[in-house]
Structures are given as C-alpha cells and as structure tokens.
Amino acid sequence: MCLGIPMQVVEIDGAFAWCEGRGRRERLNALLLEEVAVGDWVYAVLGQAREKLTTDRVNEISLALDGLAAAMQGETDLDKYFPDLLSSK
C-alpha cells in the first residue's frame, strides 16, 4: 500500500519540481500536471506529483496522516483527526 503526502513546490527544475512537506525534501516528476509553480501544493506519490491541492485539502490530508501516526503509536481517540468523517454522520 502506498500513501501520498502533500508537498509544497519550492523550486522548478525543468519537468521536475523540488518539493518540501512533512519534514522531507524530494524531487518530483511533475509531467502529470499541466503547470506547476513555486508555492503550489501537490499530492506526492512514489516520486510523482499526482495532482495540485488546495490549502484546505492539504490541511485535511495532513490531519489524517497525523491520525495515522497517532494510531500507530497506540492512540485510540482519533476523532479529532477526522472531522470530515464525523460531520457526514
């Protein structure tokens, strides 16, 4: 199973974008996106920038990833990490 993470573009290098997010810096292939600019947020999966993200979506994904990390550490009260799921009830 692969999980993607949100990363912010900090530099463009031809068809590649240097991105930072969640404590990582990575060179991503950006050919799947029409256009990417410094400051854009992208969804990074296996070295690829798969889609551009809004700030709201970045926050939602980041919170869910925080929830996953908390669950792996044994935390059981995870509702605060998934407010979008709770609001749909």
PDB file of N, CA and C in Angstrom:
ATOM      1  N   MET A   1       0.843  -1.172   0.000  1.00  0.00           N
ATOM      2  CA  MET A   1       0.000   0.000   0.000  1.00  0.00           C
ATOM      3  C   MET A   1       0.888   1.235   0.000  1.00  0.00           C
ATOM      4  N   CYS A   2       0.520   2.225  -0.779  1.00  0.00           N
ATOM      5  CA  CYS A   2       1.257   3.478  -0.856  1.00  0.00           C
ATOM      6  C   CYS A   2       0.379   4.611  -0.344  1.00  0.00           C
ATOM      7  N   LEU A   3       0.987   5.501   0.397  1.00  0.00           N
ATOM      8  CA  LEU A   3       0.301   6.702   0.833  1.00  0.00           C
ATOM      9  C   LEU A   3       0.994   7.901   0.229  1.00  0.00           C
ATOM     10  N   GLY A   4       0.221   8.849  -0.226  1.00  0.00           N
ATOM     11  CA  GLY A   4       0.791  10.081  -0.729  1.00  0.00           C
ATOM     12  C   GLY A   4       0.817  11.114   0.380  1.00  0.00           C
ATOM     13  N   ILE A   5       1.645  12.122   0.181  1.00  0.00           N
ATOM     14  CA  ILE A   5       1.709  13.212   1.144  1.00  0.00           C
ATOM     15  C   ILE A   5       1.632  14.543   0.410  1.00  0.00           C
ATOM     16  N   PRO A   6       1.087  15.559   1.060  1.00  0.00           N
ATOM     17  CA  PRO A   6       1.087  16.879   0.440  1.00  0.00           C
ATOM     18  C   PRO A   6       2.486  17.491   0.561  1.00  0.00           C
ATOM     19  N   MET A   7       2.947  18.084  -0.526  1.00  0.00           N
ATOM     20  CA  MET A   7       4.245  18.746  -0.533  1.00  0.00           C
ATOM     21  C   MET A   7       4.114  20.076  -1.277  1.00  0.00           C
ATOM     22  N   GLN A   8       4.898  21.055  -0.839  1.00  0.00           N
ATOM     23  CA  GLN A   8       4.847  22.371  -1.465  1.00  0.00           C
ATOM     24  C   GLN A   8       6.048  22.548  -2.388  1.00  0.00           C
ATOM     25  N   VAL A   9       5.774  23.044  -3.577  1.00  0.00           N
ATOM     26  CA  VAL A   9       6.820  23.281  -4.566  1.00  0.00           C
ATOM     27  C   VAL A   9       7.692  24.448  -4.111  1.00  0.00           C
ATOM     28  N   VAL A  10       9.012  24.200  -4.060  1.00  0.00           N
ATOM     29  CA  VAL A  10       9.947  25.251  -3.655  1.00  0.00           C
ATOM     30  C   VAL A  10      10.885  25.650  -4.785  1.00  0.00           C
ATOM     31  N   GLU A  11      10.958  24.806  -5.820  1.00  0.00           N
ATOM     32  CA  GLU A  11      11.840  25.106  -6.947  1.00  0.00           C
ATOM     33  C   GLU A  11      11.414  24.271  -8.150  1.00  0.00           C
ATOM     34  N   ILE A  12      11.485  24.863  -9.342  1.00  0.00           N
ATOM     35  CA  ILE A  12      11.169  24.149 -10.575  1.00  0.00           C
ATOM     36  C   ILE A  12      12.483  23.828 -11.277  1.00  0.00           C
ATOM     37  N   ASP A  13      12.592  22.585 -11.757  1.00  0.00           N
ATOM     38  CA  ASP A  13      13.801  22.114 -12.435  1.00  0.00           C
ATOM     39  C   ASP A  13      13.366  21.370 -13.694  1.00  0.00           C
ATOM     40  N   GLY A  14      13.003  22.120 -14.738  1.00  0.00           N
ATOM     41  CA  GLY A  14      12.507  21.508 -15.968  1.00  0.00           C
ATOM     42  C   GLY A  14      11.174  20.818 -15.725  1.00  0.00           C
ATOM     43  N   ALA A  15      11.136  19.514 -15.995  1.00  0.00           N
ATOM     44  CA  ALA A  15       9.910  18.728 -15.800  1.00  0.00           C
ATOM     45  C   ALA A  15       9.778  18.238 -14.365  1.00  0.00           C
ATOM     46  N   PHE A  16      10.690  18.661 -13.517  1.00  0.00           N
ATOM     47  CA  PHE A  16      10.697  18.228 -12.121  1.00  0.00           C
ATOM     48  C   PHE A  16      10.463  19.409 -11.198  1.00  0.00           C
ATOM     49  N   ALA A  17      10.007  19.095 -10.009  1.00  0.00           N
ATOM     50  CA  ALA A  17       9.782  20.134  -9.003  1.00  0.00           C
ATOM     51  C   ALA A  17      10.405  19.662  -7.690  1.00  0.00           C
ATOM     52  N   TRP A  18      11.200  20.521  -7.089  1.00  0.00           N
ATOM     53  CA  TRP A  18      11.701  20.250  -5.740  1.00  0.00           C
ATOM     54  C   TRP A  18      10.611  20.662  -4.780  1.00  0.00           C
ATOM     55  N   CYS A  19      10.221  19.732  -3.910  1.00  0.00           N
ATOM     56  CA  CYS A  19       9.098  19.964  -3.018  1.00  0.00           C
ATOM     57  C   CYS A  19       9.477  19.617  -1.581  1.00  0.00           C
ATOM     58  N   GLU A  20       8.787  20.260  -0.649  1.00  0.00           N
ATOM     59  CA  GLU A  20       9.005  20.003   0.765  1.00  0.00           C
ATOM     60  C   GLU A  20       7.669  19.776   1.452  1.00  0.00           C
ATOM     61  N   GLY A  21       7.664  18.841   2.389  1.00  0.00           N
ATOM     62  CA  GLY A  21       6.457  18.579   3.152  1.00  0.00           C
ATOM     63  C   GLY A  21       6.671  17.469   4.151  1.00  0.00           C
ATOM     64  N   ARG A  22       6.098  17.637   5.342  1.00  0.00           N
ATOM     65  CA  ARG A  22       6.155  16.652   6.410  1.00  0.00           C
ATOM     66  C   ARG A  22       7.589  16.248   6.727  1.00  0.00           C
ATOM     67  N   GLY A  23       8.475  17.253   6.734  1.00  0.00           N
ATOM     68  CA  GLY A  23       9.857  17.030   7.119  1.00  0.00           C
ATOM     69  C   GLY A  23      10.736  16.419   6.040  1.00  0.00           C
ATOM     70  N   ARG A  24      10.266  16.410   4.819  1.00  0.00           N
ATOM     71  CA  ARG A  24      11.020  15.821   3.707  1.00  0.00           C
ATOM     72  C   ARG A  24      11.238  16.836   2.604  1.00  0.00           C
ATOM     73  N   ARG A  25      12.277  16.625   1.833  1.00  0.00           N
ATOM     74  CA  ARG A  25      12.519  17.376   0.602  1.00  0.00           C
ATOM     75  C   ARG A  25      12.721  16.338  -0.487  1.00  0.00           C
ATOM     76  N   GLU A  26      12.024  16.515  -1.605  1.00  0.00           N
ATOM     77  CA  GLU A  26      12.040  15.485  -2.633  1.00  0.00           C
ATOM     78  C   GLU A  26      11.923  16.119  -4.018  1.00  0.00           C
ATOM     79  N   ARG A  27      12.582  15.515  -4.991  1.00  0.00           N
ATOM     80  CA  ARG A  27      12.472  15.937  -6.391  1.00  0.00           C
ATOM     81  C   ARG A  27      11.385  15.082  -7.029  1.00  0.00           C
ATOM     82  N   LEU A  28      10.305  15.731  -7.441  1.00  0.00           N
ATOM     83  CA  LEU A  28       9.152  15.017  -8.002  1.00  0.00           C
ATOM     84  C   LEU A  28       9.030  15.238  -9.496  1.00  0.00           C
ATOM     85  N   ASN A  29       8.664  14.204 -10.206  1.00  0.00           N
ATOM     86  CA  ASN A  29       8.334  14.330 -11.613  1.00  0.00           C
ATOM     87  C   ASN A  29       6.990  15.042 -11.690  1.00  0.00           C
ATOM     88  N   ALA A  30       6.931  16.150 -12.419  1.00  0.00           N
ATOM     89  CA  ALA A  30       5.709  16.958 -12.492  1.00  0.00           C
ATOM     90  C   ALA A  30       5.027  16.879 -13.858  1.00  0.00           C
ATOM     91  N   LEU A  31       5.402  15.904 -14.676  1.00  0.00           N
ATOM     92  CA  LEU A  31       4.833  15.802 -16.016  1.00  0.00           C
ATOM     93  C   LEU A  31       3.334  15.504 -16.036  1.00  0.00           C
ATOM     94  N   LEU A  32       2.794  14.928 -14.971  1.00  0.00           N
ATOM     95  CA  LEU A  32       1.354  14.632 -14.944  1.00  0.00           C
ATOM     96  C   LEU A  32       0.502  15.880 -14.739  1.00  0.00           C
ATOM     97  N   LEU A  33       1.132  16.982 -14.356  1.00  0.00           N
ATOM     98  CA  LEU A  33       0.403  18.226 -14.115  1.00  0.00           C
ATOM     99  C   LEU A  33       0.620  19.176 -15.278  1.00  0.00           C
ATOM    100  N   GLU A  34      -0.430  19.896 -15.657  1.00  0.00           N
ATOM    101  CA  GLU A  34      -0.296  20.842 -16.766  1.00  0.00           C
ATOM    102  C   GLU A  34       0.742  21.908 -16.462  1.00  0.00           C
ATOM    103  N   GLU A  35       0.628  22.487 -15.299  1.00  0.00           N
ATOM    104  CA  GLU A  35       1.534  23.559 -14.919  1.00  0.00           C
ATOM    105  C   GLU A  35       1.676  23.554 -13.398  1.00  0.00           C
ATOM    106  N   VAL A  36       2.884  23.766 -12.947  1.00  0.00           N
ATOM    107  CA  VAL A  36       3.131  23.836 -11.518  1.00  0.00           C
ATOM    108  C   VAL A  36       4.072  25.022 -11.277  1.00  0.00           C
ATOM    109  N   ALA A  37       3.816  25.722 -10.179  1.00  0.00           N
ATOM    110  CA  ALA A  37       4.606  26.915  -9.868  1.00  0.00           C
ATOM    111  C   ALA A  37       5.091  26.854  -8.422  1.00  0.00           C
ATOM    112  N   VAL A  38       6.149  27.579  -8.156  1.00  0.00           N
ATOM    113  CA  VAL A  38       6.652  27.671  -6.790  1.00  0.00           C
ATOM    114  C   VAL A  38       5.518  28.164  -5.894  1.00  0.00           C
ATOM    115  N   GLY A  39       5.334  27.490  -4.768  1.00  0.00           N
ATOM    116  CA  GLY A  39       4.263  27.829  -3.841  1.00  0.00           C
ATOM    117  C   GLY A  39       3.056  26.917  -3.949  1.00  0.00           C
ATOM    118  N   ASP A  40       2.900  26.243  -5.095  1.00  0.00           N
ATOM    119  CA  ASP A  40       1.786  25.300  -5.259  1.00  0.00           C
ATOM    120  C   ASP A  40       1.959  24.120  -4.315  1.00  0.00           C
ATOM    121  N   TRP A  41       0.839  23.540  -3.908  1.00  0.00           N
ATOM    122  CA  TRP A  41       0.834  22.301  -3.137  1.00  0.00           C
ATOM    123  C   TRP A  41       0.460  21.184  -4.079  1.00  0.00           C
ATOM    124  N   VAL A  42       1.175  20.056  -3.972  1.00  0.00           N
ATOM    125  CA  VAL A  42       0.894  18.898  -4.814  1.00  0.00           C
ATOM    126  C   VAL A  42       0.764  17.654  -3.941  1.00  0.00           C
ATOM    127  N   TYR A  43       0.108  16.648  -4.488  1.00  0.00           N
ATOM    128  CA  TYR A  43      -0.025  15.354  -3.820  1.00  0.00           C
ATOM    129  C   TYR A  43       1.075  14.472  -4.381  1.00  0.00           C
ATOM    130  N   ALA A  44       2.022  14.067  -3.532  1.00  0.00           N
ATOM    131  CA  ALA A  44       3.200  13.316  -3.959  1.00  0.00           C
ATOM    132  C   ALA A  44       3.036  11.831  -3.663  1.00  0.00           C
ATOM    133  N   VAL A  45       3.219  11.005  -4.705  1.00  0.00           N
ATOM    134  CA  VAL A  45       3.134   9.554  -4.567  1.00  0.00           C
ATOM    135  C   VAL A  45       4.264   8.940  -5.393  1.00  0.00           C
ATOM    136  N   LEU A  46       5.145   8.207  -4.722  1.00  0.00           N
ATOM    137  CA  LEU A  46       6.214   7.461  -5.394  1.00  0.00           C
ATOM    138  C   LEU A  46       7.005   8.311  -6.396  1.00  0.00           C
ATOM    139  N   GLY A  47       7.420   9.490  -5.985  1.00  0.00           N
ATOM    140  CA  GLY A  47       8.249  10.340  -6.835  1.00  0.00           C
ATOM    141  C   GLY A  47       7.513  11.126  -7.892  1.00  0.00           C
ATOM    142  N   GLN A  48       6.187  11.076  -7.858  1.00  0.00           N
ATOM    143  CA  GLN A  48       5.355  11.782  -8.837  1.00  0.00           C
ATOM    144  C   GLN A  48       4.479  12.824  -8.165  1.00  0.00           C
ATOM    145  N   ALA A  49       4.358  13.977  -8.775  1.00  0.00           N
ATOM    146  CA  ALA A  49       3.359  14.964  -8.356  1.00  0.00           C
ATOM    147  C   ALA A  49       2.080  14.576  -9.086  1.00  0.00           C
ATOM    148  N   ARG A  50       1.098  14.051  -8.355  1.00  0.00           N
ATOM    149  CA  ARG A  50      -0.101  13.480  -8.983  1.00  0.00           C
ATOM    150  C   ARG A  50      -1.203  14.486  -9.244  1.00  0.00           C
ATOM    151  N   GLU A  51      -1.358  15.459  -8.335  1.00  0.00           N
ATOM    152  CA  GLU A  51      -2.396  16.477  -8.523  1.00  0.00           C
ATOM    153  C   GLU A  51      -2.063  17.704  -7.695  1.00  0.00           C
ATOM    154  N   LYS A  52      -2.609  18.839  -8.121  1.00  0.00           N
ATOM    155  CA  LYS A  52      -2.464  20.064  -7.340  1.00  0.00           C
ATOM    156  C   LYS A  52      -3.530  20.059  -6.250  1.00  0.00           C
ATOM    157  N   LEU A  53      -3.158  20.583  -5.084  1.00  0.00           N
ATOM    158  CA  LEU A  53      -4.060  20.585  -3.942  1.00  0.00           C
ATOM    159  C   LEU A  53      -4.369  22.000  -3.476  1.00  0.00           C
ATOM    160  N   THR A  54      -5.571  22.188  -2.965  1.00  0.00           N
ATOM    161  CA  THR A  54      -5.915  23.448  -2.312  1.00  0.00           C
ATOM    162  C   THR A  54      -5.368  23.399  -0.881  1.00  0.00           C
ATOM    163  N   THR A  55      -5.268  24.542  -0.259  1.00  0.00           N
ATOM    164  CA  THR A  55      -4.793  24.603   1.125  1.00  0.00           C
ATOM    165  C   THR A  55      -5.721  23.820   2.043  1.00  0.00           C
ATOM    166  N   ASP A  56      -7.020  23.900   1.814  1.00  0.00           N
ATOM    167  CA  ASP A  56      -7.971  23.130   2.634  1.00  0.00           C
ATOM    168  C   ASP A  56      -7.719  21.629   2.513  1.00  0.00           C
ATOM    169  N   ARG A  57      -7.475  21.164   1.301  1.00  0.00           N
ATOM    170  CA  ARG A  57      -7.220  19.734   1.087  1.00  0.00           C
ATOM    171  C   ARG A  57      -5.897  19.319   1.731  1.00  0.00           C
ATOM    172  N   VAL A  58      -4.879  20.186   1.656  1.00  0.00           N
ATOM    173  CA  VAL A  58      -3.590  19.916   2.301  1.00  0.00           C
ATOM    174  C   VAL A  58      -3.797  19.724   3.802  1.00  0.00           C
ATOM    175  N   ASN A  59      -4.567  20.618   4.411  1.00  0.00           N
ATOM    176  CA  ASN A  59      -4.825  20.523   5.847  1.00  0.00           C
ATOM    177  C   ASN A  59      -5.579  19.248   6.203  1.00  0.00           C
ATOM    178  N   GLU A  60      -6.536  18.879   5.390  1.00  0.00           N
ATOM    179  CA  GLU A  60      -7.334  17.669   5.623  1.00  0.00           C
ATOM    180  C   GLU A  60      -6.454  16.409   5.542  1.00  0.00           C
ATOM    181  N   ILE A  61      -5.627  16.327   4.509  1.00  0.00           N
ATOM    182  CA  ILE A  61      -4.745  15.166   4.342  1.00  0.00           C
ATOM    183  C   ILE A  61      -3.710  15.114   5.463  1.00  0.00           C
ATOM    184  N   SER A  62      -3.139  16.254   5.801  1.00  0.00           N
ATOM    185  CA  SER A  62      -2.125  16.305   6.860  1.00  0.00           C
ATOM    186  C   SER A  62      -2.694  15.854   8.198  1.00  0.00           C
ATOM    187  N   LEU A  63      -3.908  16.280   8.495  1.00  0.00           N
ATOM    188  CA  LEU A  63      -4.551  15.879   9.739  1.00  0.00           C
ATOM    189  C   LEU A  63      -4.798  14.362   9.753  1.00  0.00           C
ATOM    190  N   ALA A  64      -5.227  13.820   8.617  1.00  0.00           N
ATOM    191  CA  ALA A  64      -5.451  12.375   8.529  1.00  0.00           C
ATOM    192  C   ALA A  64      -4.135  11.605   8.695  1.00  0.00           C
ATOM    193  N   LEU A  65      -3.054  12.113   8.120  1.00  0.00           N
ATOM    194  CA  LEU A  65      -1.750  11.466   8.289  1.00  0.00           C
ATOM    195  C   LEU A  65      -1.280  11.549   9.737  1.00  0.00           C
ATOM    196  N   ASP A  66      -1.578  12.676  10.393  1.00  0.00           N
ATOM    197  CA  ASP A  66      -1.280  12.786  11.827  1.00  0.00           C
ATOM    198  C   ASP A  66      -2.070  11.737  12.613  1.00  0.00           C
ATOM    199  N   GLY A  67      -3.311  11.505  12.209  1.00  0.00           N
ATOM    200  CA  GLY A  67      -4.152  10.499  12.854  1.00  0.00           C
ATOM    201  C   GLY A  67      -3.592   9.103  12.664  1.00  0.00           C
ATOM    202  N   LEU A  68      -3.101   8.822  11.483  1.00  0.00           N
ATOM    203  CA  LEU A  68      -2.487   7.525  11.223  1.00  0.00           C
ATOM    204  C   LEU A  68      -1.257   7.327  12.113  1.00  0.00           C
ATOM    205  N   ALA A  69      -0.425   8.354  12.217  1.00  0.00           N
ATOM    206  CA  ALA A  69       0.761   8.284  13.078  1.00  0.00           C
ATOM    207  C   ALA A  69       0.356   8.077  14.533  1.00  0.00           C
ATOM    208  N   ALA A  70      -0.691   8.767  14.971  1.00  0.00           N
ATOM    209  CA  ALA A  70      -1.164   8.621  16.348  1.00  0.00           C
ATOM    210  C   ALA A  70      -1.664   7.202  16.599  1.00  0.00           C
ATOM    211  N   ALA A  71      -2.397   6.638  15.642  1.00  0.00           N
ATOM    212  CA  ALA A  71      -2.895   5.270  15.782  1.00  0.00           C
ATOM    213  C   ALA A  71      -1.743   4.280  15.861  1.00  0.00           C
ATOM    214  N   MET A  72      -0.701   4.517  15.095  1.00  0.00           N
ATOM    215  CA  MET A  72       0.458   3.629  15.123  1.00  0.00           C
ATOM    216  C   MET A  72       1.212   3.719  16.447  1.00  0.00           C
ATOM    217  N   GLN A  73       1.010   4.829  17.165  1.00  0.00           N
ATOM    218  CA  GLN A  73       1.628   4.995  18.479  1.00  0.00           C
ATOM    219  C   GLN A  73       0.716   4.494  19.608  1.00  0.00           C
ATOM    220  N   GLY A  74      -0.444   3.977  19.221  1.00  0.00           N
ATOM    221  CA  GLY A  74      -1.346   3.392  20.208  1.00  0.00           C
ATOM    222  C   GLY A  74      -2.479   4.292  20.656  1.00  0.00           C
ATOM    223  N   GLU A  75      -2.574   5.501  20.117  1.00  0.00           N
ATOM    224  CA  GLU A  75      -3.683   6.385  20.495  1.00  0.00           C
ATOM    225  C   GLU A  75      -4.986   5.793  19.967  1.00  0.00           C
ATOM    226  N   THR A  76      -6.034   5.861  20.782  1.00  0.00           N
ATOM    227  CA  THR A  76      -7.318   5.283  20.368  1.00  0.00           C
ATOM    228  C   THR A  76      -8.412   6.323  20.149  1.00  0.00           C
ATOM    229  N   ASP A  77      -8.245   7.522  20.685  1.00  0.00           N
ATOM    230  CA  ASP A  77      -9.225   8.590  20.482  1.00  0.00           C
ATOM    231  C   ASP A  77      -8.806   9.380  19.242  1.00  0.00           C
ATOM    232  N   LEU A  78      -9.300   8.968  18.096  1.00  0.00           N
ATOM    233  CA  LEU A  78      -8.839   9.518  16.822  1.00  0.00           C
ATOM    234  C   LEU A  78      -9.834  10.462  16.160  1.00  0.00           C
ATOM    235  N   ASP A  79     -10.959  10.726  16.794  1.00  0.00           N
ATOM    236  CA  ASP A  79     -11.999  11.563  16.175  1.00  0.00           C
ATOM    237  C   ASP A  79     -11.479  12.931  15.753  1.00  0.00           C
ATOM    238  N   LYS A  80     -10.585  13.523  16.528  1.00  0.00           N
ATOM    239  CA  LYS A  80     -10.099  14.871  16.219  1.00  0.00           C
ATOM    240  C   LYS A  80      -9.292  14.917  14.919  1.00  0.00           C
ATOM    241  N   TYR A  81      -8.820  13.774  14.458  1.00  0.00           N
ATOM    242  CA  TYR A  81      -8.035  13.743  13.236  1.00  0.00           C
ATOM    243  C   TYR A  81      -8.888  13.596  11.970  1.00  0.00           C
ATOM    244  N   PHE A  82     -10.153  13.259  12.150  1.00  0.00           N
ATOM    245  CA  PHE A  82     -11.025  13.006  11.014  1.00  0.00           C
ATOM    246  C   PHE A  82     -12.356  13.757  11.123  1.00  0.00           C
ATOM    247  N   PRO A  83     -12.326  15.087  11.286  1.00  0.00           N
ATOM    248  CA  PRO A  83     -13.570  15.835  11.453  1.00  0.00           C
ATOM    249  C   PRO A  83     -14.479  15.760  10.230  1.00  0.00           C
ATOM    250  N   ASP A  84     -13.896  15.582   9.044  1.00  0.00           N
ATOM    251  CA  ASP A  84     -14.708  15.471   7.827  1.00  0.00           C
ATOM    252  C   ASP A  84     -15.562  14.208   7.839  1.00  0.00           C
ATOM    253  N   LEU A  85     -15.076  13.152   8.446  1.00  0.00           N
ATOM    254  CA  LEU A  85     -15.872  11.918   8.549  1.00  0.00           C
ATOM    255  C   LEU A  85     -16.973  12.053   9.577  1.00  0.00           C
ATOM    256  N   LEU A  86     -16.693  12.770  10.653  1.00  0.00           N
ATOM    257  CA  LEU A  86     -17.689  12.947  11.703  1.00  0.00           C
ATOM    258  C   LEU A  86     -18.821  13.866  11.252  1.00  0.00           C
ATOM    259  N   SER A  87     -18.498  14.875  10.436  1.00  0.00           N
ATOM    260  CA  SER A  87     -19.511  15.824  10.003  1.00  0.00           C
ATOM    261  C   SER A  87     -20.481  15.216   9.000  1.00  0.00           C
ATOM    262  N   SER A  88     -20.125  14.090   8.390  1.00  0.00           N
ATOM    263  CA  SER A  88     -21.015  13.467   7.392  1.00  0.00           C
ATOM    264  C   SER A  88     -22.019  12.514   8.037  1.00  0.00           C
ATOM    265  N   LYS A  89     -21.957  12.335   9.361  1.00  0.00           N
ATOM    266  CA  LYS A  89     -22.895  11.423  10.027  1.00  0.00           C
ATOM    267  C   LYS A  89     -24.253  12.040  10.164  1.00  0.00           C
TER     268      LYS A  89
END
